[in-house]
Amino acid sequence: MYSKIDEYLLFNKDQNNKVSHSINLNKNGKGNDFEKIIRKENKEILNLLDFLSSIENSIFASMTGSGSCCYVVFENKHNAKKAFDIIKKKFDDYWIYLAENNIIND
């Protein structure tokens, strides 16, 4: 995938030819440089991310780093549990895990 990154990303260079911006943002403002490549190159992951994004009450769906994991974010545990059941039924041969993001407030 690294060999394809220039092909898919737009690099803005300043007058000294330094890259000033190279992140690819999806429609929700979250960025993953490899996601644009994966969406064009891998139909299975494209379908999974599109499905995750379409689940009712989802905030956004993305993939980690270079795509070892795809995930969907919800505002509360209730919505996440409902989505978990839907995902588990549709993708019964995938490893699916429900996790909670614990926020520490100082």
PDB file of N, CA and C in Angstrom:
ATOM      1  N   MET A   1       0.802  -1.196   0.000  1.00  0.00           N
ATOM      2  CA  MET A   1       0.000   0.000   0.000  1.00  0.00           C
ATOM      3  C   MET A   1       0.852   1.271   0.000  1.00  0.00           C
ATOM      4  N   TYR A   2       1.971   1.233   0.677  1.00  0.00           N
ATOM      5  CA  TYR A   2       2.793   2.445   0.728  1.00  0.00           C
ATOM      6  C   TYR A   2       3.199   2.917  -0.661  1.00  0.00           C
ATOM      7  N   SER A   3       3.396   1.991  -1.567  1.00  0.00           N
ATOM      8  CA  SER A   3       3.815   2.368  -2.918  1.00  0.00           C
ATOM      9  C   SER A   3       2.708   3.097  -3.673  1.00  0.00           C
ATOM     10  N   LYS A   4       1.471   2.995  -3.210  1.00  0.00           N
ATOM     11  CA  LYS A   4       0.347   3.624  -3.902  1.00  0.00           C
ATOM     12  C   LYS A   4      -0.071   4.948  -3.278  1.00  0.00           C
ATOM     13  N   ILE A   5       0.539   5.350  -2.193  1.00  0.00           N
ATOM     14  CA  ILE A   5       0.044   6.508  -1.455  1.00  0.00           C
ATOM     15  C   ILE A   5       0.091   7.805  -2.262  1.00  0.00           C
ATOM     16  N   ASP A   6       1.134   8.032  -3.022  1.00  0.00           N
ATOM     17  CA  ASP A   6       1.218   9.256  -3.825  1.00  0.00           C
ATOM     18  C   ASP A   6       0.118   9.318  -4.878  1.00  0.00           C
ATOM     19  N   GLU A   7      -0.280   8.160  -5.351  1.00  0.00           N
ATOM     20  CA  GLU A   7      -1.300   8.074  -6.390  1.00  0.00           C
ATOM     21  C   GLU A   7      -2.664   8.548  -5.883  1.00  0.00           C
ATOM     22  N   TYR A   8      -2.929   8.388  -4.591  1.00  0.00           N
ATOM     23  CA  TYR A   8      -4.243   8.661  -4.051  1.00  0.00           C
ATOM     24  C   TYR A   8      -4.347   9.941  -3.217  1.00  0.00           C
ATOM     25  N   LEU A   9      -3.245  10.445  -2.714  1.00  0.00           N
ATOM     26  CA  LEU A   9      -3.293  11.614  -1.843  1.00  0.00           C
ATOM     27  C   LEU A   9      -2.884  12.871  -2.582  1.00  0.00           C
ATOM     28  N   LEU A  10      -3.461  13.961  -2.173  1.00  0.00           N
ATOM     29  CA  LEU A  10      -3.073  15.255  -2.719  1.00  0.00           C
ATOM     30  C   LEU A  10      -2.137  15.918  -1.727  1.00  0.00           C
ATOM     31  N   PHE A  11      -0.997  16.340  -2.188  1.00  0.00           N
ATOM     32  CA  PHE A  11      -0.032  16.993  -1.332  1.00  0.00           C
ATOM     33  C   PHE A  11       0.062  18.459  -1.730  1.00  0.00           C
ATOM     34  N   ASN A  12      -0.162  19.338  -0.780  1.00  0.00           N
ATOM     35  CA  ASN A  12       0.004  20.768  -1.023  1.00  0.00           C
ATOM     36  C   ASN A  12       1.409  21.149  -0.607  1.00  0.00           C
ATOM     37  N   LYS A  13       2.157  21.722  -1.522  1.00  0.00           N
ATOM     38  CA  LYS A  13       3.540  22.095  -1.228  1.00  0.00           C
ATOM     39  C   LYS A  13       3.663  23.614  -1.213  1.00  0.00           C
ATOM     40  N   ASP A  14       4.441  24.095  -0.246  1.00  0.00           N
ATOM     41  CA  ASP A  14       4.669  25.540  -0.188  1.00  0.00           C
ATOM     42  C   ASP A  14       5.780  25.937  -1.159  1.00  0.00           C
ATOM     43  N   GLN A  15       6.180  27.208  -1.125  1.00  0.00           N
ATOM     44  CA  GLN A  15       7.191  27.684  -2.078  1.00  0.00           C
ATOM     45  C   GLN A  15       8.540  27.002  -1.914  1.00  0.00           C
ATOM     46  N   ASN A  16       8.813  26.422  -0.757  1.00  0.00           N
ATOM     47  CA  ASN A  16      10.062  25.694  -0.535  1.00  0.00           C
ATOM     48  C   ASN A  16       9.917  24.198  -0.833  1.00  0.00           C
ATOM     49  N   ASN A  17       8.807  23.830  -1.471  1.00  0.00           N
ATOM     50  CA  ASN A  17       8.537  22.456  -1.852  1.00  0.00           C
ATOM     51  C   ASN A  17       8.346  21.517  -0.649  1.00  0.00           C
ATOM     52  N   LYS A  18       7.919  22.088   0.496  1.00  0.00           N
ATOM     53  CA  LYS A  18       7.643  21.289   1.680  1.00  0.00           C
ATOM     54  C   LYS A  18       6.155  20.961   1.708  1.00  0.00           C
ATOM     55  N   VAL A  19       5.836  19.746   2.113  1.00  0.00           N
ATOM     56  CA  VAL A  19       4.442  19.327   2.195  1.00  0.00           C
ATOM     57  C   VAL A  19       3.789  20.041   3.375  1.00  0.00           C
ATOM     58  N   SER A  20       2.691  20.750   3.091  1.00  0.00           N
ATOM     59  CA  SER A  20       2.014  21.473   4.154  1.00  0.00           C
ATOM     60  C   SER A  20       0.769  20.736   4.638  1.00  0.00           C
ATOM     61  N   HIS A  21       0.236  19.834   3.831  1.00  0.00           N
ATOM     62  CA  HIS A  21      -0.970  19.114   4.223  1.00  0.00           C
ATOM     63  C   HIS A  21      -1.048  17.820   3.423  1.00  0.00           C
ATOM     64  N   SER A  22      -1.164  16.689   4.099  1.00  0.00           N
ATOM     65  CA  SER A  22      -1.224  15.439   3.355  1.00  0.00           C
ATOM     66  C   SER A  22      -2.275  14.484   3.882  1.00  0.00           C
ATOM     67  N   ILE A  23      -3.156  14.952   4.736  1.00  0.00           N
ATOM     68  CA  ILE A  23      -4.133  14.027   5.309  1.00  0.00           C
ATOM     69  C   ILE A  23      -5.394  13.981   4.460  1.00  0.00           C
ATOM     70  N   ASN A  24      -5.920  12.808   4.288  1.00  0.00           N
ATOM     71  CA  ASN A  24      -7.166  12.621   3.556  1.00  0.00           C
ATOM     72  C   ASN A  24      -8.297  12.562   4.572  1.00  0.00           C
ATOM     73  N   LEU A  25      -9.202  13.523   4.547  1.00  0.00           N
ATOM     74  CA  LEU A  25     -10.306  13.522   5.494  1.00  0.00           C
ATOM     75  C   LEU A  25     -11.533  12.913   4.858  1.00  0.00           C
ATOM     76  N   ASN A  26     -12.216  12.061   5.624  1.00  0.00           N
ATOM     77  CA  ASN A  26     -13.462  11.529   5.103  1.00  0.00           C
ATOM     78  C   ASN A  26     -14.589  12.512   5.375  1.00  0.00           C
ATOM     79  N   LYS A  27     -15.802  12.162   5.036  1.00  0.00           N
ATOM     80  CA  LYS A  27     -16.915  13.097   5.131  1.00  0.00           C
ATOM     81  C   LYS A  27     -17.185  13.569   6.552  1.00  0.00           C
ATOM     82  N   ASN A  28     -16.702  12.844   7.547  1.00  0.00           N
ATOM     83  CA  ASN A  28     -16.932  13.224   8.940  1.00  0.00           C
ATOM     84  C   ASN A  28     -15.756  13.978   9.543  1.00  0.00           C
ATOM     85  N   GLY A  29     -14.763  14.327   8.733  1.00  0.00           N
ATOM     86  CA  GLY A  29     -13.624  15.078   9.244  1.00  0.00           C
ATOM     87  C   GLY A  29     -12.590  14.225   9.953  1.00  0.00           C
ATOM     88  N   LYS A  30     -12.731  12.926   9.907  1.00  0.00           N
ATOM     89  CA  LYS A  30     -11.753  12.025  10.517  1.00  0.00           C
ATOM     90  C   LYS A  30     -10.817  11.560   9.418  1.00  0.00           C
ATOM     91  N   GLY A  31      -9.541  11.475   9.715  1.00  0.00           N
ATOM     92  CA  GLY A  31      -8.598  11.171   8.647  1.00  0.00           C
ATOM     93  C   GLY A  31      -7.881   9.846   8.805  1.00  0.00           C
ATOM     94  N   ASN A  32      -7.687   9.175   7.711  1.00  0.00           N
ATOM     95  CA  ASN A  32      -6.857   7.980   7.633  1.00  0.00           C
ATOM     96  C   ASN A  32      -6.334   7.941   6.202  1.00  0.00           C
ATOM     97  N   ASP A  33      -5.060   8.159   6.040  1.00  0.00           N
ATOM     98  CA  ASP A  33      -4.459   8.239   4.713  1.00  0.00           C
ATOM     99  C   ASP A  33      -4.676   6.986   3.875  1.00  0.00           C
ATOM    100  N   PHE A  34      -4.693   5.817   4.493  1.00  0.00           N
ATOM    101  CA  PHE A  34      -4.827   4.573   3.747  1.00  0.00           C
ATOM    102  C   PHE A  34      -6.267   4.254   3.368  1.00  0.00           C
ATOM    103  N   GLU A  35      -7.218   4.871   4.049  1.00  0.00           N
ATOM    104  CA  GLU A  35      -8.613   4.510   3.794  1.00  0.00           C
ATOM    105  C   GLU A  35      -9.039   4.793   2.354  1.00  0.00           C
ATOM    106  N   LYS A  36      -8.584   5.885   1.794  1.00  0.00           N
ATOM    107  CA  LYS A  36      -8.934   6.208   0.406  1.00  0.00           C
ATOM    108  C   LYS A  36      -8.404   5.130  -0.546  1.00  0.00           C
ATOM    109  N   ILE A  37      -7.209   4.662  -0.294  1.00  0.00           N
ATOM    110  CA  ILE A  37      -6.616   3.599  -1.117  1.00  0.00           C
ATOM    111  C   ILE A  37      -7.409   2.308  -0.964  1.00  0.00           C
ATOM    112  N   ILE A  38      -7.660   1.927   0.275  1.00  0.00           N
ATOM    113  CA  ILE A  38      -8.363   0.672   0.560  1.00  0.00           C
ATOM    114  C   ILE A  38      -9.751   0.678  -0.064  1.00  0.00           C
ATOM    115  N   ARG A  39     -10.443   1.812   0.025  1.00  0.00           N
ATOM    116  CA  ARG A  39     -11.790   1.892  -0.541  1.00  0.00           C
ATOM    117  C   ARG A  39     -11.780   1.630  -2.054  1.00  0.00           C
ATOM    118  N   LYS A  40     -10.714   2.003  -2.733  1.00  0.00           N
ATOM    119  CA  LYS A  40     -10.628   1.762  -4.185  1.00  0.00           C
ATOM    120  C   LYS A  40     -10.090   0.374  -4.504  1.00  0.00           C
ATOM    121  N   GLU A  41      -9.260  -0.162  -3.650  1.00  0.00           N
ATOM    122  CA  GLU A  41      -8.551  -1.406  -3.952  1.00  0.00           C
ATOM    123  C   GLU A  41      -9.218  -2.661  -3.372  1.00  0.00           C
ATOM    124  N   ASN A  42     -10.022  -2.524  -2.323  1.00  0.00           N
ATOM    125  CA  ASN A  42     -10.541  -3.700  -1.637  1.00  0.00           C
ATOM    126  C   ASN A  42     -12.047  -3.582  -1.442  1.00  0.00           C
ATOM    127  N   LYS A  43     -12.798  -4.257  -2.279  1.00  0.00           N
ATOM    128  CA  LYS A  43     -14.262  -4.178  -2.258  1.00  0.00           C
ATOM    129  C   LYS A  43     -14.850  -4.705  -0.949  1.00  0.00           C
ATOM    130  N   GLU A  44     -14.241  -5.712  -0.365  1.00  0.00           N
ATOM    131  CA  GLU A  44     -14.762  -6.290   0.881  1.00  0.00           C
ATOM    132  C   GLU A  44     -14.711  -5.262   2.021  1.00  0.00           C
ATOM    133  N   ILE A  45     -13.597  -4.565   2.147  1.00  0.00           N
ATOM    134  CA  ILE A  45     -13.484  -3.552   3.196  1.00  0.00           C
ATOM    135  C   ILE A  45     -14.369  -2.351   2.870  1.00  0.00           C
ATOM    136  N   LEU A  46     -14.446  -1.979   1.611  1.00  0.00           N
ATOM    137  CA  LEU A  46     -15.343  -0.899   1.193  1.00  0.00           C
ATOM    138  C   LEU A  46     -16.784  -1.209   1.611  1.00  0.00           C
ATOM    139  N   ASN A  47     -17.244  -2.421   1.321  1.00  0.00           N
ATOM    140  CA  ASN A  47     -18.603  -2.818   1.681  1.00  0.00           C
ATOM    141  C   ASN A  47     -18.812  -2.814   3.188  1.00  0.00           C
ATOM    142  N   LEU A  48     -17.818  -3.276   3.924  1.00  0.00           N
ATOM    143  CA  LEU A  48     -17.920  -3.293   5.386  1.00  0.00           C
ATOM    144  C   LEU A  48     -18.009  -1.874   5.936  1.00  0.00           C
ATOM    145  N   LEU A  49     -17.120  -0.987   5.500  1.00  0.00           N
ATOM    146  CA  LEU A  49     -17.144   0.393   5.993  1.00  0.00           C
ATOM    147  C   LEU A  49     -18.435   1.106   5.618  1.00  0.00           C
ATOM    148  N   ASP A  50     -18.921   0.878   4.408  1.00  0.00           N
ATOM    149  CA  ASP A  50     -20.188   1.477   3.990  1.00  0.00           C
ATOM    150  C   ASP A  50     -21.347   0.959   4.838  1.00  0.00           C
ATOM    151  N   PHE A  51     -21.338  -0.338   5.111  1.00  0.00           N
ATOM    152  CA  PHE A  51     -22.391  -0.909   5.952  1.00  0.00           C
ATOM    153  C   PHE A  51     -22.331  -0.328   7.367  1.00  0.00           C
ATOM    154  N   LEU A  52     -21.140  -0.292   7.953  1.00  0.00           N
ATOM    155  CA  LEU A  52     -20.994   0.240   9.304  1.00  0.00           C
ATOM    156  C   LEU A  52     -21.453   1.696   9.377  1.00  0.00           C
ATOM    157  N   SER A  53     -21.130   2.471   8.351  1.00  0.00           N
ATOM    158  CA  SER A  53     -21.529   3.880   8.316  1.00  0.00           C
ATOM    159  C   SER A  53     -23.041   4.050   8.203  1.00  0.00           C
ATOM    160  N   SER A  54     -23.697   3.067   7.632  1.00  0.00           N
ATOM    161  CA  SER A  54     -25.139   3.183   7.399  1.00  0.00           C
ATOM    162  C   SER A  54     -25.991   2.737   8.585  1.00  0.00           C
ATOM    163  N   ILE A  55     -25.388   2.174   9.599  1.00  0.00           N
ATOM    164  CA  ILE A  55     -26.146   1.700  10.754  1.00  0.00           C
ATOM    165  C   ILE A  55     -26.761   2.895  11.477  1.00  0.00           C
ATOM    166  N   GLU A  56     -28.023   2.743  11.829  1.00  0.00           N
ATOM    167  CA  GLU A  56     -28.746   3.819  12.520  1.00  0.00           C
ATOM    168  C   GLU A  56     -27.995   4.276  13.772  1.00  0.00           C
ATOM    169  N   ASN A  57     -27.898   5.568  13.950  1.00  0.00           N
ATOM    170  CA  ASN A  57     -27.259   6.231  15.097  1.00  0.00           C
ATOM    171  C   ASN A  57     -25.738   6.121  15.121  1.00  0.00           C
ATOM    172  N   SER A  58     -25.123   5.658  14.036  1.00  0.00           N
ATOM    173  CA  SER A  58     -23.657   5.624  14.020  1.00  0.00           C
ATOM    174  C   SER A  58     -23.126   7.045  13.854  1.00  0.00           C
ATOM    175  N   ILE A  59     -22.008   7.348  14.490  1.00  0.00           N
ATOM    176  CA  ILE A  59     -21.373   8.656  14.352  1.00  0.00           C
ATOM    177  C   ILE A  59     -20.445   8.635  13.149  1.00  0.00           C
ATOM    178  N   PHE A  60     -19.561   7.652  13.086  1.00  0.00           N
ATOM    179  CA  PHE A  60     -18.713   7.440  11.922  1.00  0.00           C
ATOM    180  C   PHE A  60     -18.128   6.041  11.974  1.00  0.00           C
ATOM    181  N   ALA A  61     -17.676   5.568  10.836  1.00  0.00           N
ATOM    182  CA  ALA A  61     -16.977   4.284  10.737  1.00  0.00           C
ATOM    183  C   ALA A  61     -15.663   4.542  10.027  1.00  0.00           C
ATOM    184  N   SER A  62     -14.642   3.819  10.421  1.00  0.00           N
ATOM    185  CA  SER A  62     -13.327   3.999   9.821  1.00  0.00           C
ATOM    186  C   SER A  62     -12.525   2.728  10.022  1.00  0.00           C
ATOM    187  N   MET A  63     -11.257   2.803   9.642  1.00  0.00           N
ATOM    188  CA  MET A  63     -10.358   1.689   9.898  1.00  0.00           C
ATOM    189  C   MET A  63      -9.154   2.216  10.677  1.00  0.00           C
ATOM    190  N   THR A  64      -8.567   1.330  11.457  1.00  0.00           N
ATOM    191  CA  THR A  64      -7.392   1.719  12.220  1.00  0.00           C
ATOM    192  C   THR A  64      -6.180   1.717  11.300  1.00  0.00           C
ATOM    193  N   GLY A  65      -5.234   2.569  11.582  1.00  0.00           N
ATOM    194  CA  GLY A  65      -3.947   2.588  10.889  1.00  0.00           C
ATOM    195  C   GLY A  65      -3.987   2.160   9.450  1.00  0.00           C
ATOM    196  N   SER A  66      -3.376   1.037   9.152  1.00  0.00           N
ATOM    197  CA  SER A  66      -3.334   0.542   7.777  1.00  0.00           C
ATOM    198  C   SER A  66      -4.409  -0.512   7.523  1.00  0.00           C
ATOM    199  N   GLY A  67      -5.421  -0.558   8.365  1.00  0.00           N
ATOM    200  CA  GLY A  67      -6.583  -1.390   8.090  1.00  0.00           C
ATOM    201  C   GLY A  67      -6.663  -2.713   8.804  1.00  0.00           C
ATOM    202  N   SER A  68      -5.954  -2.882   9.895  1.00  0.00           N
ATOM    203  CA  SER A  68      -6.042  -4.156  10.605  1.00  0.00           C
ATOM    204  C   SER A  68      -7.398  -4.338  11.277  1.00  0.00           C
ATOM    205  N   CYS A  69      -8.121  -3.234  11.451  1.00  0.00           N
ATOM    206  CA  CYS A  69      -9.417  -3.283  12.116  1.00  0.00           C
ATOM    207  C   CYS A  69     -10.326  -2.198  11.544  1.00  0.00           C
ATOM    208  N   CYS A  70     -11.584  -2.541  11.324  1.00  0.00           N
ATOM    209  CA  CYS A  70     -12.601  -1.551  10.966  1.00  0.00           C
ATOM    210  C   CYS A  70     -13.502  -1.390  12.180  1.00  0.00           C
ATOM    211  N   TYR A  71     -13.965  -0.177  12.409  1.00  0.00           N
ATOM    212  CA  TYR A  71     -14.786   0.065  13.588  1.00  0.00           C
ATOM    213  C   TYR A  71     -15.850   1.118  13.302  1.00  0.00           C
ATOM    214  N   VAL A  72     -16.858   1.124  14.154  1.00  0.00           N
ATOM    215  CA  VAL A  72     -17.932   2.114  14.082  1.00  0.00           C
ATOM    216  C   VAL A  72     -18.122   2.688  15.482  1.00  0.00           C
ATOM    217  N   VAL A  73     -18.409   3.979  15.552  1.00  0.00           N
ATOM    218  CA  VAL A  73     -18.519   4.690  16.823  1.00  0.00           C
ATOM    219  C   VAL A  73     -19.976   5.104  17.048  1.00  0.00           C
ATOM    220  N   PHE A  74     -20.428   4.929  18.286  1.00  0.00           N
ATOM    221  CA  PHE A  74     -21.773   5.331  18.700  1.00  0.00           C
ATOM    222  C   PHE A  74     -21.671   6.214  19.934  1.00  0.00           C
ATOM    223  N   GLU A  75     -22.703   6.998  20.154  1.00  0.00           N
ATOM    224  CA  GLU A  75     -22.700   7.923  21.288  1.00  0.00           C
ATOM    225  C   GLU A  75     -22.949   7.226  22.614  1.00  0.00           C
ATOM    226  N   ASN A  76     -23.687   6.127  22.571  1.00  0.00           N
ATOM    227  CA  ASN A  76     -23.990   5.470  23.844  1.00  0.00           C
ATOM    228  C   ASN A  76     -23.979   3.947  23.692  1.00  0.00           C
ATOM    229  N   LYS A  77     -23.957   3.293  24.838  1.00  0.00           N
ATOM    230  CA  LYS A  77     -23.848   1.838  24.887  1.00  0.00           C
ATOM    231  C   LYS A  77     -25.087   1.157  24.304  1.00  0.00           C
ATOM    232  N   HIS A  78     -26.242   1.725  24.527  1.00  0.00           N
ATOM    233  CA  HIS A  78     -27.487   1.150  24.013  1.00  0.00           C
ATOM    234  C   HIS A  78     -27.443   1.018  22.482  1.00  0.00           C
ATOM    235  N   ASN A  79     -27.074   2.104  21.808  1.00  0.00           N
ATOM    236  CA  ASN A  79     -26.980   2.074  20.339  1.00  0.00           C
ATOM    237  C   ASN A  79     -25.900   1.108  19.863  1.00  0.00           C
ATOM    238  N   ALA A  80     -24.797   1.063  20.584  1.00  0.00           N
ATOM    239  CA  ALA A  80     -23.700   0.156  20.218  1.00  0.00           C
ATOM    240  C   ALA A  80     -24.125  -1.304  20.350  1.00  0.00           C
ATOM    241  N   LYS A  81     -24.863  -1.630  21.397  1.00  0.00           N
ATOM    242  CA  LYS A  81     -25.325  -3.012  21.587  1.00  0.00           C
ATOM    243  C   LYS A  81     -26.303  -3.423  20.493  1.00  0.00           C
ATOM    244  N   LYS A  82     -27.214  -2.524  20.118  1.00  0.00           N
ATOM    245  CA  LYS A  82     -28.144  -2.826  19.029  1.00  0.00           C
ATOM    246  C   LYS A  82     -27.379  -3.068  17.725  1.00  0.00           C
ATOM    247  N   ALA A  83     -26.398  -2.221  17.453  1.00  0.00           N
ATOM    248  CA  ALA A  83     -25.593  -2.366  16.235  1.00  0.00           C
ATOM    249  C   ALA A  83     -24.782  -3.654  16.270  1.00  0.00           C
ATOM    250  N   PHE A  84     -24.261  -4.008  17.437  1.00  0.00           N
ATOM    251  CA  PHE A  84     -23.478  -5.236  17.576  1.00  0.00           C
ATOM    252  C   PHE A  84     -24.281  -6.433  17.092  1.00  0.00           C
ATOM    253  N   ASP A  85     -25.536  -6.518  17.499  1.00  0.00           N
ATOM    254  CA  ASP A  85     -26.389  -7.637  17.096  1.00  0.00           C
ATOM    255  C   ASP A  85     -26.611  -7.653  15.588  1.00  0.00           C
ATOM    256  N   ILE A  86     -26.814  -6.479  15.010  1.00  0.00           N
ATOM    257  CA  ILE A  86     -27.021  -6.368  13.556  1.00  0.00           C
ATOM    258  C   ILE A  86     -25.763  -6.799  12.805  1.00  0.00           C
ATOM    259  N   ILE A  87     -24.611  -6.306  13.254  1.00  0.00           N
ATOM    260  CA  ILE A  87     -23.329  -6.621  12.601  1.00  0.00           C
ATOM    261  C   ILE A  87     -23.021  -8.110  12.733  1.00  0.00           C
ATOM    262  N   LYS A  88     -23.228  -8.648  13.926  1.00  0.00           N
ATOM    263  CA  LYS A  88     -22.949 -10.070  14.183  1.00  0.00           C
ATOM    264  C   LYS A  88     -23.785 -10.962  13.263  1.00  0.00           C
ATOM    265  N   LYS A  89     -25.029 -10.573  13.031  1.00  0.00           N
ATOM    266  CA  LYS A  89     -25.904 -11.367  12.170  1.00  0.00           C
ATOM    267  C   LYS A  89     -25.458 -11.296  10.707  1.00  0.00           C
ATOM    268  N   LYS A  90     -25.106 -10.098  10.247  1.00  0.00           N
ATOM    269  CA  LYS A  90     -24.734  -9.918   8.841  1.00  0.00           C
ATOM    270  C   LYS A  90     -23.342 -10.470   8.532  1.00  0.00           C
ATOM    271  N   PHE A  91     -22.410 -10.308   9.461  1.00  0.00           N
ATOM    272  CA  PHE A  91     -21.019 -10.732   9.248  1.00  0.00           C
ATOM    273  C   PHE A  91     -20.648 -11.810  10.271  1.00  0.00           C
ATOM    274  N   ASP A  92     -21.356 -12.917  10.228  1.00  0.00           N
ATOM    275  CA  ASP A  92     -21.173 -13.958  11.238  1.00  0.00           C
ATOM    276  C   ASP A  92     -19.827 -14.660  11.173  1.00  0.00           C
ATOM    277  N   ASP A  93     -19.095 -14.502  10.072  1.00  0.00           N
ATOM    278  CA  ASP A  93     -17.781 -15.146   9.976  1.00  0.00           C
ATOM    279  C   ASP A  93     -16.636 -14.173  10.291  1.00  0.00           C
ATOM    280  N   TYR A  94     -16.966 -12.952  10.737  1.00  0.00           N
ATOM    281  CA  TYR A  94     -15.949 -11.962  11.125  1.00  0.00           C
ATOM    282  C   TYR A  94     -15.777 -11.983  12.638  1.00  0.00           C
ATOM    283  N   TRP A  95     -14.605 -11.585  13.083  1.00  0.00           N
ATOM    284  CA  TRP A  95     -14.367 -11.414  14.511  1.00  0.00           C
ATOM    285  C   TRP A  95     -14.905 -10.047  14.887  1.00  0.00           C
ATOM    286  N   ILE A  96     -15.891 -10.015  15.775  1.00  0.00           N
ATOM    287  CA  ILE A  96     -16.566  -8.769  16.146  1.00  0.00           C
ATOM    288  C   ILE A  96     -16.460  -8.598  17.646  1.00  0.00           C
ATOM    289  N   TYR A  97     -16.147  -7.383  18.072  1.00  0.00           N
ATOM    290  CA  TYR A  97     -15.952  -7.098  19.490  1.00  0.00           C
ATOM    291  C   TYR A  97     -16.635  -5.788  19.839  1.00  0.00           C
ATOM    292  N   LEU A  98     -17.335  -5.759  20.951  1.00  0.00           N
ATOM    293  CA  LEU A  98     -17.977  -4.548  21.454  1.00  0.00           C
ATOM    294  C   LEU A  98     -17.123  -3.983  22.577  1.00  0.00           C
ATOM    295  N   ALA A  99     -16.657  -2.773  22.399  1.00  0.00           N
ATOM    296  CA  ALA A  99     -15.781  -2.155  23.394  1.00  0.00           C
ATOM    297  C   ALA A  99     -16.308  -0.784  23.783  1.00  0.00           C
ATOM    298  N   GLU A 100     -15.912  -0.352  24.961  1.00  0.00           N
ATOM    299  CA  GLU A 100     -16.307   0.967  25.441  1.00  0.00           C
ATOM    300  C   GLU A 100     -15.067   1.845  25.569  1.00  0.00           C
ATOM    301  N   ASN A 101     -15.200   3.074  25.104  1.00  0.00           N
ATOM    302  CA  ASN A 101     -14.129   4.042  25.235  1.00  0.00           C
ATOM    303  C   ASN A 101     -14.323   4.773  26.552  1.00  0.00           C
ATOM    304  N   ASN A 102     -13.458   4.518  27.494  1.00  0.00           N
ATOM    305  CA  ASN A 102     -13.561   5.168  28.798  1.00  0.00           C
ATOM    306  C   ASN A 102     -12.838   6.494  28.784  1.00  0.00           C
ATOM    307  N   ILE A 103     -13.560   7.546  29.087  1.00  0.00           N
ATOM    308  CA  ILE A 103     -12.992   8.884  29.124  1.00  0.00           C
ATOM    309  C   ILE A 103     -12.663   9.237  30.568  1.00  0.00           C
ATOM    310  N   ILE A 104     -11.457   9.720  30.768  1.00  0.00           N
ATOM    311  CA  ILE A 104     -11.034  10.153  32.087  1.00  0.00           C
ATOM    312  C   ILE A 104     -11.123  11.674  32.135  1.00  0.00           C
ATOM    313  N   ASN A 105     -11.942  12.163  33.060  1.00  0.00           N
ATOM    314  CA  ASN A 105     -12.090  13.618  33.240  1.00  0.00           C
ATOM    315  C   ASN A 105     -11.308  14.042  34.468  1.00  0.00           C
ATOM    316  N   ASP A 106     -10.470  15.039  34.289  1.00  0.00           N
ATOM    317  CA  ASP A 106      -9.703  15.547  35.440  1.00  0.00           C
ATOM    318  C   ASP A 106     -10.480  16.607  36.184  1.00  0.00           C
TER     319      ASP A 106
END
